Amino acid sequence: MERIKEIERSIIKTYRKELWARFVKAIDEYQLLKPNDKVCVCISGGKDSMLMAKLFQELQRHSDYVFDLEFLVMNPGYNEKNFDLIKKNLDILGINAHIIKTDIFEIANNQEKNPCYLCARMRRGYLYKNAQDLGCNKIALGHHFDDVIETTLMNMLNSGSFQTMLPKLKSTNFDNMELIRPMYLIREKDIIKWAKYNNLDFIRCACKMTEKIQNDPERNGTSQRAVTKKLIHDLIDYNELVEFNIFKAACNVNMDMILGYRKDGIDHSFLEEYDKKDDEDN
């Protein structure tokens, strides 16, 4: 019990500015919570989602309004070692979670094409369905600031599109369900510092595909996200504010100076408004 209290104090006191303040700011700035919400806090077993669960516990204690929490761990097919570590950390952190077993890894890894895409899609579907069964109207995922800027840059470099990871999204497949990302403003380096400070060890991405890449010296660190993470780090030598500028770019789009955009699935060109400007001037 004493260790739990120490971990909780480290969130509120030792890392108040880096973790607690940024968590609360994201919830307020992006209006992620409302009174009487019931949030399904989705825990993968990694450092990000485990910290998110503790932050939500603290918020519930200190909030000015009432909301409910359900903690959900979905086991997509972790090996015994990783699953035991997840259960150990739930106990250490004082998180009472529902554990749902699935065969997602087995199904996805048997696909020759796009196993990662299939895995992510199936996991999201299971999360929404189980959250809905628990009576929740929101699911919370542990994506942080670094995930946001990496995703933004990956889309630009690999998809030729400018789109970011939003702090909240309404589900198109599950009625009255919303996805929220309350870790949106928290830096990954600060999550790592918190985990080390408390001598906590969490699983990494534990699917067979990732394990295969990590155990192959020629392929380790070659995923799009790993390469993008390194690219952003290298760009800091060019401009120390590059991380924040990538983030800021997503809310500072000059619509007068872009070639085109997509809205509600419909593509638009700058030419649609180009001649209208002359007509208005005349």
C-alpha atoms as a PDB file:
ATOM      1  CA  MET A   1       0.000   0.000   0.000  1.00  0.00           C
ATOM      2  CA  GLU A   2       2.823   2.385   0.839  1.00  0.00           C
ATOM      3  CA  ARG A   3       4.376   1.890  -2.612  1.00  0.00           C
ATOM      4  CA  ILE A   4       1.086   2.782  -4.290  1.00  0.00           C
ATOM      5  CA  LYS A   5       0.958   6.004  -2.272  1.00  0.00           C
ATOM      6  CA  GLU A   6       4.529   6.854  -3.271  1.00  0.00           C
ATOM      7  CA  ILE A   7       3.726   6.290  -6.949  1.00  0.00           C
ATOM      8  CA  GLU A   8       0.624   8.451  -6.684  1.00  0.00           C
ATOM      9  CA  ARG A   9       2.545  11.219  -4.900  1.00  0.00           C
ATOM     10  CA  SER A  10       5.145  11.190  -7.678  1.00  0.00           C
ATOM     11  CA  ILE A  11       2.377  11.998 -10.188  1.00  0.00           C
ATOM     12  CA  ILE A  12       0.915  14.865  -8.170  1.00  0.00           C
ATOM     13  CA  LYS A  13       4.146  16.280  -6.745  1.00  0.00           C
ATOM     14  CA  THR A  14       7.435  15.119  -8.348  1.00  0.00           C
ATOM     15  CA  TYR A  15       6.095  15.150 -11.924  1.00  0.00           C
ATOM     16  CA  ARG A  16       3.217  17.578 -11.399  1.00  0.00           C
ATOM     17  CA  LYS A  17       4.290  19.936 -14.205  1.00  0.00           C
ATOM     18  CA  GLU A  18       5.267  17.234 -16.702  1.00  0.00           C
ATOM     19  CA  LEU A  19       2.406  14.767 -16.157  1.00  0.00           C
ATOM     20  CA  TRP A  20      -0.475  15.921 -13.969  1.00  0.00           C
ATOM     21  CA  ALA A  21      -0.711  19.505 -15.246  1.00  0.00           C
ATOM     22  CA  ARG A  22      -0.547  18.451 -18.897  1.00  0.00           C
ATOM     23  CA  PHE A  23      -3.127  15.713 -18.382  1.00  0.00           C
ATOM     24  CA  VAL A  24      -5.569  18.173 -16.803  1.00  0.00           C
ATOM     25  CA  LYS A  25      -4.809  20.805 -19.452  1.00  0.00           C
ATOM     26  CA  ALA A  26      -5.624  18.404 -22.305  1.00  0.00           C
ATOM     27  CA  ILE A  27      -8.908  17.410 -20.688  1.00  0.00           C
ATOM     28  CA  ASP A  28      -9.890  21.052 -20.192  1.00  0.00           C
ATOM     29  CA  GLU A  29      -8.564  22.462 -23.471  1.00  0.00           C
ATOM     30  CA  TYR A  30     -10.093  19.773 -25.687  1.00  0.00           C
ATOM     31  CA  GLN A  31     -13.222  19.249 -23.541  1.00  0.00           C
ATOM     32  CA  LEU A  32     -12.581  15.528 -23.161  1.00  0.00           C
ATOM     33  CA  LEU A  33     -14.766  14.963 -20.085  1.00  0.00           C
ATOM     34  CA  LYS A  34     -18.228  16.026 -19.003  1.00  0.00           C
ATOM     35  CA  PRO A  35     -20.172  15.429 -15.781  1.00  0.00           C
ATOM     36  CA  ASN A  36     -21.612  11.905 -15.540  1.00  0.00           C
ATOM     37  CA  ASP A  37     -19.395  10.502 -18.310  1.00  0.00           C
ATOM     38  CA  LYS A  38     -18.436   6.856 -17.918  1.00  0.00           C
ATOM     39  CA  VAL A  39     -14.955   6.306 -19.326  1.00  0.00           C
ATOM     40  CA  CYS A  40     -13.449   2.990 -20.316  1.00  0.00           C
ATOM     41  CA  VAL A  41      -9.711   3.401 -19.677  1.00  0.00           C
ATOM     42  CA  CYS A  42      -8.039   1.020 -22.129  1.00  0.00           C
ATOM     43  CA  ILE A  43      -4.823  -0.505 -20.791  1.00  0.00           C
ATOM     44  CA  SER A  44      -2.474  -2.250 -23.216  1.00  0.00           C
ATOM     45  CA  GLY A  45       0.056  -3.015 -20.497  1.00  0.00           C
ATOM     46  CA  GLY A  46       2.645  -0.492 -21.620  1.00  0.00           C
ATOM     47  CA  LYS A  47       3.923   2.518 -19.695  1.00  0.00           C
ATOM     48  CA  ASP A  48       1.613   5.023 -21.405  1.00  0.00           C
ATOM     49  CA  SER A  49      -1.728   3.367 -20.698  1.00  0.00           C
ATOM     50  CA  MET A  50      -0.740   2.298 -17.174  1.00  0.00           C
ATOM     51  CA  LEU A  51       0.171   5.892 -16.314  1.00  0.00           C
ATOM     52  CA  MET A  52      -3.065   7.087 -17.910  1.00  0.00           C
ATOM     53  CA  ALA A  53      -5.023   4.798 -15.582  1.00  0.00           C
ATOM     54  CA  LYS A  54      -3.289   6.293 -12.534  1.00  0.00           C
ATOM     55  CA  LEU A  55      -3.884   9.836 -13.801  1.00  0.00           C
ATOM     56  CA  PHE A  56      -7.596   9.087 -14.177  1.00  0.00           C
ATOM     57  CA  GLN A  57      -7.725   7.716 -10.639  1.00  0.00           C
ATOM     58  CA  GLU A  58      -6.184  10.938  -9.349  1.00  0.00           C
ATOM     59  CA  LEU A  59      -8.530  13.061 -11.443  1.00  0.00           C
ATOM     60  CA  GLN A  60     -11.547  11.226 -10.065  1.00  0.00           C
ATOM     61  CA  ARG A  61     -10.360  11.985  -6.530  1.00  0.00           C
ATOM     62  CA  HIS A  62      -9.798  15.688  -7.203  1.00  0.00           C
ATOM     63  CA  SER A  63     -12.458  16.504  -9.808  1.00  0.00           C
ATOM     64  CA  ASP A  64     -15.165  19.103  -9.206  1.00  0.00           C
ATOM     65  CA  TYR A  65     -17.744  16.890 -10.918  1.00  0.00           C
ATOM     66  CA  VAL A  66     -18.711  13.229 -10.877  1.00  0.00           C
ATOM     67  CA  PHE A  67     -17.700  10.751 -13.574  1.00  0.00           C
ATOM     68  CA  ASP A  68     -17.225   6.978 -13.584  1.00  0.00           C
ATOM     69  CA  LEU A  69     -14.298   4.810 -14.653  1.00  0.00           C
ATOM     70  CA  GLU A  70     -13.930   1.269 -15.900  1.00  0.00           C
ATOM     71  CA  PHE A  71     -10.447  -0.145 -16.508  1.00  0.00           C
ATOM     72  CA  LEU A  72     -10.145  -2.617 -19.357  1.00  0.00           C
ATOM     73  CA  VAL A  73      -7.181  -4.809 -20.286  1.00  0.00           C
ATOM     74  CA  MET A  74      -7.585  -6.663 -23.551  1.00  0.00           C
ATOM     75  CA  ASN A  75      -5.262  -9.637 -23.937  1.00  0.00           C
ATOM     76  CA  PRO A  76      -4.829 -10.069 -27.709  1.00  0.00           C
ATOM     77  CA  GLY A  77      -2.623 -13.125 -27.184  1.00  0.00           C
ATOM     78  CA  TYR A  78       0.351 -12.045 -25.049  1.00  0.00           C
ATOM     79  CA  ASN A  79       2.857 -14.690 -24.096  1.00  0.00           C
ATOM     80  CA  GLU A  80       2.768 -15.833 -20.480  1.00  0.00           C
ATOM     81  CA  LYS A  81       5.735 -13.692 -19.414  1.00  0.00           C
ATOM     82  CA  ASN A  82       4.218 -10.453 -20.719  1.00  0.00           C
ATOM     83  CA  PHE A  83       0.751 -11.226 -19.401  1.00  0.00           C
ATOM     84  CA  ASP A  84       2.144 -11.999 -15.934  1.00  0.00           C
ATOM     85  CA  LEU A  85       3.989  -8.659 -15.972  1.00  0.00           C
ATOM     86  CA  ILE A  86       0.760  -6.831 -16.830  1.00  0.00           C
ATOM     87  CA  LYS A  87      -1.093  -8.485 -13.932  1.00  0.00           C
ATOM     88  CA  LYS A  88       1.821  -7.741 -11.593  1.00  0.00           C
ATOM     89  CA  ASN A  89       1.771  -4.046 -12.533  1.00  0.00           C
ATOM     90  CA  LEU A  90      -2.001  -3.820 -12.105  1.00  0.00           C
ATOM     91  CA  ASP A  91      -1.523  -5.111  -8.571  1.00  0.00           C
ATOM     92  CA  ILE A  92       1.410  -2.761  -7.818  1.00  0.00           C
ATOM     93  CA  LEU A  93      -0.492   0.266  -9.125  1.00  0.00           C
ATOM     94  CA  GLY A  94      -3.790  -0.604  -7.468  1.00  0.00           C
ATOM     95  CA  ILE A  95      -5.785  -0.845 -10.692  1.00  0.00           C
ATOM     96  CA  ASN A  96      -8.815  -3.140 -10.624  1.00  0.00           C
ATOM     97  CA  ALA A  97      -9.287  -3.986 -14.309  1.00  0.00           C
ATOM     98  CA  HIS A  98     -11.533  -6.171 -16.412  1.00  0.00           C
ATOM     99  CA  ILE A  99      -9.363  -8.574 -18.435  1.00  0.00           C
ATOM    100  CA  ILE A 100     -10.691  -9.746 -21.790  1.00  0.00           C
ATOM    101  CA  LYS A 101      -8.931 -12.571 -23.646  1.00  0.00           C
ATOM    102  CA  THR A 102      -8.986 -12.643 -27.460  1.00  0.00           C
ATOM    103  CA  ASP A 103      -7.139 -14.413 -30.294  1.00  0.00           C
ATOM    104  CA  ILE A 104      -6.344 -11.238 -32.253  1.00  0.00           C
ATOM    105  CA  PHE A 105      -2.580 -11.885 -32.547  1.00  0.00           C
ATOM    106  CA  GLU A 106      -3.169 -15.384 -33.908  1.00  0.00           C
ATOM    107  CA  ILE A 107      -5.645 -14.184 -36.528  1.00  0.00           C
ATOM    108  CA  ALA A 108      -3.641 -11.125 -37.603  1.00  0.00           C
ATOM    109  CA  ASN A 109      -0.275 -12.878 -37.786  1.00  0.00           C
ATOM    110  CA  ASN A 110      -1.724 -15.531 -40.098  1.00  0.00           C
ATOM    111  CA  GLN A 111      -2.459 -12.851 -42.691  1.00  0.00           C
ATOM    112  CA  GLU A 112       0.186 -12.341 -45.369  1.00  0.00           C
ATOM    113  CA  LYS A 113      -0.834  -8.745 -46.098  1.00  0.00           C
ATOM    114  CA  ASN A 114      -1.188  -5.903 -43.596  1.00  0.00           C
ATOM    115  CA  PRO A 115      -1.210  -7.920 -40.347  1.00  0.00           C
ATOM    116  CA  CYS A 116      -0.551  -4.755 -38.304  1.00  0.00           C
ATOM    117  CA  TYR A 117      -3.506  -2.947 -39.878  1.00  0.00           C
ATOM    118  CA  LEU A 118      -5.801  -5.905 -39.216  1.00  0.00           C
ATOM    119  CA  CYS A 119      -4.544  -6.222 -35.640  1.00  0.00           C
ATOM    120  CA  ALA A 120      -5.142  -2.533 -34.900  1.00  0.00           C
ATOM    121  CA  ARG A 121      -8.608  -2.598 -36.447  1.00  0.00           C
ATOM    122  CA  MET A 122      -9.661  -5.728 -34.550  1.00  0.00           C
ATOM    123  CA  ARG A 123      -8.319  -4.388 -31.259  1.00  0.00           C
ATOM    124  CA  ARG A 124     -10.207  -1.117 -31.685  1.00  0.00           C
ATOM    125  CA  GLY A 125     -13.416  -3.019 -32.453  1.00  0.00           C
ATOM    126  CA  TYR A 126     -13.069  -5.218 -29.358  1.00  0.00           C
ATOM    127  CA  LEU A 127     -12.384  -2.164 -27.193  1.00  0.00           C
ATOM    128  CA  TYR A 128     -15.477  -0.308 -28.396  1.00  0.00           C
ATOM    129  CA  LYS A 129     -17.706  -3.372 -28.023  1.00  0.00           C
ATOM    130  CA  ASN A 130     -16.539  -4.218 -24.501  1.00  0.00           C
ATOM    131  CA  ALA A 131     -16.647  -0.566 -23.425  1.00  0.00           C
ATOM    132  CA  GLN A 132     -20.218  -0.363 -24.644  1.00  0.00           C
ATOM    133  CA  ASP A 133     -21.095  -3.569 -22.755  1.00  0.00           C
ATOM    134  CA  LEU A 134     -19.693  -1.942 -19.594  1.00  0.00           C
ATOM    135  CA  GLY A 135     -22.053   0.993 -20.077  1.00  0.00           C
ATOM    136  CA  CYS A 136     -19.334   3.469 -21.067  1.00  0.00           C
ATOM    137  CA  ASN A 137     -19.845   6.371 -23.428  1.00  0.00           C
ATOM    138  CA  LYS A 138     -16.132   7.087 -23.921  1.00  0.00           C
ATOM    139  CA  ILE A 139     -12.946   5.072 -24.365  1.00  0.00           C
ATOM    140  CA  ALA A 140      -9.578   6.555 -23.430  1.00  0.00           C
ATOM    141  CA  LEU A 141      -6.366   5.613 -25.238  1.00  0.00           C
ATOM    142  CA  GLY A 142      -2.832   6.410 -24.074  1.00  0.00           C
ATOM    143  CA  HIS A 143      -1.430   8.186 -27.139  1.00  0.00           C
ATOM    144  CA  HIS A 144       0.949  10.973 -26.113  1.00  0.00           C
ATOM    145  CA  PHE A 145       2.462  14.121 -27.667  1.00  0.00           C
ATOM    146  CA  ASP A 146       5.243  12.215 -29.440  1.00  0.00           C
ATOM    147  CA  ASP A 147       2.712   9.825 -31.014  1.00  0.00           C
ATOM    148  CA  VAL A 148       0.829  12.854 -32.346  1.00  0.00           C
ATOM    149  CA  ILE A 149       3.762  14.560 -34.055  1.00  0.00           C
ATOM    150  CA  GLU A 150       5.157  11.270 -35.382  1.00  0.00           C
ATOM    151  CA  THR A 151       1.783  10.427 -36.918  1.00  0.00           C
ATOM    152  CA  THR A 152       1.510  13.892 -38.472  1.00  0.00           C
ATOM    153  CA  LEU A 153       4.932  13.633 -40.091  1.00  0.00           C
ATOM    154  CA  MET A 154       4.414  10.005 -41.161  1.00  0.00           C
ATOM    155  CA  ASN A 155       1.262  10.986 -43.048  1.00  0.00           C
ATOM    156  CA  MET A 156       3.076  13.787 -44.839  1.00  0.00           C
ATOM    157  CA  LEU A 157       6.113  11.706 -45.806  1.00  0.00           C
ATOM    158  CA  ASN A 158       4.458   8.371 -46.571  1.00  0.00           C
ATOM    159  CA  SER A 159       0.863   9.152 -47.557  1.00  0.00           C
ATOM    160  CA  GLY A 160       1.179  12.599 -49.096  1.00  0.00           C
ATOM    161  CA  SER A 161      -1.562  13.923 -46.826  1.00  0.00           C
ATOM    162  CA  PHE A 162      -1.690  16.384 -43.956  1.00  0.00           C
ATOM    163  CA  GLN A 163      -3.671  14.843 -41.139  1.00  0.00           C
ATOM    164  CA  THR A 164      -2.961  14.464 -37.475  1.00  0.00           C
ATOM    165  CA  MET A 165      -4.107  12.366 -34.519  1.00  0.00           C
ATOM    166  CA  LEU A 166      -7.058  14.239 -32.975  1.00  0.00           C
ATOM    167  CA  PRO A 167      -7.569  14.481 -29.190  1.00  0.00           C
ATOM    168  CA  LYS A 168     -11.106  13.122 -29.558  1.00  0.00           C
ATOM    169  CA  LEU A 169     -13.238  11.403 -32.185  1.00  0.00           C
ATOM    170  CA  LYS A 170     -16.858  10.317 -32.378  1.00  0.00           C
ATOM    171  CA  SER A 171     -17.307   6.668 -33.335  1.00  0.00           C
ATOM    172  CA  THR A 172     -18.940   6.021 -36.682  1.00  0.00           C
ATOM    173  CA  ASN A 173     -19.755   2.383 -35.840  1.00  0.00           C
ATOM    174  CA  PHE A 174     -20.864   2.540 -32.197  1.00  0.00           C
ATOM    175  CA  ASP A 175     -23.695   4.892 -31.278  1.00  0.00           C
ATOM    176  CA  ASN A 176     -22.965   7.550 -28.663  1.00  0.00           C
ATOM    177  CA  MET A 177     -19.372   6.396 -28.219  1.00  0.00           C
ATOM    178  CA  GLU A 178     -16.386   8.725 -28.300  1.00  0.00           C
ATOM    179  CA  LEU A 179     -12.638   8.112 -28.279  1.00  0.00           C
ATOM    180  CA  ILE A 180     -10.508  10.477 -26.191  1.00  0.00           C
ATOM    181  CA  ARG A 181      -6.727  10.902 -25.841  1.00  0.00           C
ATOM    182  CA  PRO A 182      -6.053  12.660 -22.498  1.00  0.00           C
ATOM    183  CA  MET A 183      -2.262  12.061 -22.704  1.00  0.00           C
ATOM    184  CA  TYR A 184      -2.197  14.324 -25.781  1.00  0.00           C
ATOM    185  CA  LEU A 185       0.139  16.965 -24.293  1.00  0.00           C
ATOM    186  CA  ILE A 186       2.430  14.647 -22.300  1.00  0.00           C
ATOM    187  CA  ARG A 187       5.949  13.964 -23.586  1.00  0.00           C
ATOM    188  CA  GLU A 188       7.139  10.359 -23.844  1.00  0.00           C
ATOM    189  CA  LYS A 189      10.458  11.194 -22.161  1.00  0.00           C
ATOM    190  CA  ASP A 190       8.577  12.308 -19.048  1.00  0.00           C
ATOM    191  CA  ILE A 191       6.597   9.072 -18.937  1.00  0.00           C
ATOM    192  CA  ILE A 192       9.887   7.161 -19.096  1.00  0.00           C
ATOM    193  CA  LYS A 193      11.330   9.300 -16.284  1.00  0.00           C
ATOM    194  CA  TRP A 194       8.284   8.601 -14.117  1.00  0.00           C
ATOM    195  CA  ALA A 195       8.529   4.854 -14.701  1.00  0.00           C
ATOM    196  CA  LYS A 196      12.247   4.811 -13.866  1.00  0.00           C
ATOM    197  CA  TYR A 197      11.740   6.991 -10.794  1.00  0.00           C
ATOM    198  CA  ASN A 198       9.275   4.424  -9.428  1.00  0.00           C
ATOM    199  CA  ASN A 199      11.301   1.369 -10.557  1.00  0.00           C
ATOM    200  CA  LEU A 200       8.442   0.199 -12.769  1.00  0.00           C
ATOM    201  CA  ASP A 201       8.971  -2.137 -15.705  1.00  0.00           C
ATOM    202  CA  PHE A 202       6.295  -2.360 -18.392  1.00  0.00           C
ATOM    203  CA  ILE A 203       5.839  -4.464 -21.521  1.00  0.00           C
ATOM    204  CA  ARG A 204       6.660  -2.984 -24.924  1.00  0.00           C
ATOM    205  CA  CYS A 205       4.608  -3.749 -28.028  1.00  0.00           C
ATOM    206  CA  ALA A 206       4.447  -7.500 -27.514  1.00  0.00           C
ATOM    207  CA  CYS A 207       3.079  -8.984 -30.723  1.00  0.00           C
ATOM    208  CA  LYS A 208       4.986 -11.703 -32.573  1.00  0.00           C
ATOM    209  CA  MET A 209       5.621  -9.416 -35.542  1.00  0.00           C
ATOM    210  CA  THR A 210       7.342  -6.828 -33.327  1.00  0.00           C
ATOM    211  CA  GLU A 211       9.341  -9.504 -31.502  1.00  0.00           C
ATOM    212  CA  LYS A 212      10.515 -10.854 -34.849  1.00  0.00           C
ATOM    213  CA  ILE A 213      11.715  -7.412 -35.974  1.00  0.00           C
ATOM    214  CA  GLN A 214      13.383  -6.641 -32.641  1.00  0.00           C
ATOM    215  CA  ASN A 215      15.283  -9.930 -32.750  1.00  0.00           C
ATOM    216  CA  ASP A 216      16.501  -9.289 -36.301  1.00  0.00           C
ATOM    217  CA  PRO A 217      19.541  -6.925 -36.250  1.00  0.00           C
ATOM    218  CA  GLU A 218      18.988  -5.982 -39.885  1.00  0.00           C
ATOM    219  CA  ARG A 219      15.327  -5.014 -39.361  1.00  0.00           C
ATOM    220  CA  ASN A 220      15.342  -3.608 -35.821  1.00  0.00           C
ATOM    221  CA  GLY A 221      14.505   0.093 -35.829  1.00  0.00           C
ATOM    222  CA  THR A 222      13.313   0.045 -39.433  1.00  0.00           C
ATOM    223  CA  SER A 223       9.576   0.473 -38.838  1.00  0.00           C
ATOM    224  CA  GLN A 224       8.041   3.679 -40.186  1.00  0.00           C
ATOM    225  CA  ARG A 225       7.444   4.983 -36.670  1.00  0.00           C
ATOM    226  CA  ALA A 226      10.979   4.188 -35.498  1.00  0.00           C
ATOM    227  CA  VAL A 227      12.483   5.887 -38.549  1.00  0.00           C
ATOM    228  CA  THR A 228      10.194   8.902 -38.139  1.00  0.00           C
ATOM    229  CA  LYS A 229      11.092   9.173 -34.442  1.00  0.00           C
ATOM    230  CA  LYS A 230      14.793   9.256 -35.368  1.00  0.00           C
ATOM    231  CA  LEU A 231      14.160  11.797 -38.144  1.00  0.00           C
ATOM    232  CA  ILE A 232      12.414  14.171 -35.727  1.00  0.00           C
ATOM    233  CA  HIS A 233      15.293  13.775 -33.272  1.00  0.00           C
ATOM    234  CA  ASP A 234      17.818  14.579 -36.021  1.00  0.00           C
ATOM    235  CA  LEU A 235      15.815  17.642 -37.090  1.00  0.00           C
ATOM    236  CA  ILE A 236      16.233  19.154 -33.620  1.00  0.00           C
ATOM    237  CA  ASP A 237      19.790  20.043 -34.690  1.00  0.00           C
ATOM    238  CA  TYR A 238      18.205  22.123 -37.464  1.00  0.00           C
ATOM    239  CA  ASN A 239      15.631  23.756 -35.154  1.00  0.00           C
ATOM    240  CA  GLU A 240      15.255  22.974 -31.451  1.00  0.00           C
ATOM    241  CA  LEU A 241      11.551  23.845 -31.681  1.00  0.00           C
ATOM    242  CA  VAL A 242      10.811  21.422 -34.515  1.00  0.00           C
ATOM    243  CA  GLU A 243       8.698  19.068 -32.358  1.00  0.00           C
ATOM    244  CA  PHE A 244       6.417  21.845 -31.159  1.00  0.00           C
ATOM    245  CA  ASN A 245       6.245  23.366 -34.646  1.00  0.00           C
ATOM    246  CA  ILE A 246       5.039  20.056 -36.122  1.00  0.00           C
ATOM    247  CA  PHE A 247       2.361  19.953 -33.424  1.00  0.00           C
ATOM    248  CA  LYS A 248       1.424  23.616 -33.907  1.00  0.00           C
ATOM    249  CA  ALA A 249       1.155  23.227 -37.686  1.00  0.00           C
ATOM    250  CA  ALA A 250      -1.954  21.067 -37.267  1.00  0.00           C
ATOM    251  CA  CYS A 251      -3.853  23.949 -35.637  1.00  0.00           C
ATOM    252  CA  ASN A 252      -2.326  26.718 -37.731  1.00  0.00           C
ATOM    253  CA  VAL A 253      -3.394  25.739 -41.254  1.00  0.00           C
ATOM    254  CA  ASN A 254      -3.653  28.739 -43.599  1.00  0.00           C
ATOM    255  CA  MET A 255      -6.577  27.814 -45.856  1.00  0.00           C
ATOM    256  CA  ASP A 256      -5.678  30.651 -48.253  1.00  0.00           C
ATOM    257  CA  MET A 257      -2.330  29.032 -49.040  1.00  0.00           C
ATOM    258  CA  ILE A 258      -3.073  25.358 -49.701  1.00  0.00           C
ATOM    259  CA  LEU A 259      -3.724  23.575 -52.995  1.00  0.00           C
ATOM    260  CA  GLY A 260      -6.618  21.513 -51.745  1.00  0.00           C
ATOM    261  CA  TYR A 261      -8.354  19.811 -48.852  1.00  0.00           C
ATOM    262  CA  ARG A 262     -10.904  17.096 -48.113  1.00  0.00           C
ATOM    263  CA  LYS A 263     -14.054  17.756 -46.105  1.00  0.00           C
ATOM    264  CA  ASP A 264     -16.689  15.103 -45.317  1.00  0.00           C
ATOM    265  CA  GLY A 265     -15.101  12.797 -47.901  1.00  0.00           C
ATOM    266  CA  ILE A 266     -15.258  15.377 -50.704  1.00  0.00           C
ATOM    267  CA  ASP A 267     -12.109  16.790 -52.314  1.00  0.00           C
ATOM    268  CA  HIS A 268     -11.857  20.559 -52.821  1.00  0.00           C
ATOM    269  CA  SER A 269      -9.372  22.640 -54.827  1.00  0.00           C
ATOM    270  CA  PHE A 270      -8.126  26.185 -54.295  1.00  0.00           C
ATOM    271  CA  LEU A 271      -9.457  26.853 -57.811  1.00  0.00           C
ATOM    272  CA  GLU A 272     -13.033  26.682 -56.504  1.00  0.00           C
ATOM    273  CA  GLU A 273     -12.543  30.010 -54.736  1.00  0.00           C
ATOM    274  CA  TYR A 274      -9.823  31.484 -56.937  1.00  0.00           C
ATOM    275  CA  ASP A 275     -11.984  33.256 -59.539  1.00  0.00           C
ATOM    276  CA  LYS A 276     -14.580  34.260 -56.936  1.00  0.00           C
ATOM    277  CA  LYS A 277     -12.030  36.636 -55.399  1.00  0.00           C
ATOM    278  CA  ASP A 278     -11.842  38.672 -58.631  1.00  0.00           C
ATOM    279  CA  ASP A 279     -15.636  38.790 -58.832  1.00  0.00           C
ATOM    280  CA  GLU A 280     -15.890  40.027 -55.244  1.00  0.00           C
ATOM    281  CA  ASP A 281     -13.275  42.713 -55.871  1.00  0.00           C
ATOM    282  CA  ASN A 282     -15.185  43.922 -58.900  1.00  0.00           C
END
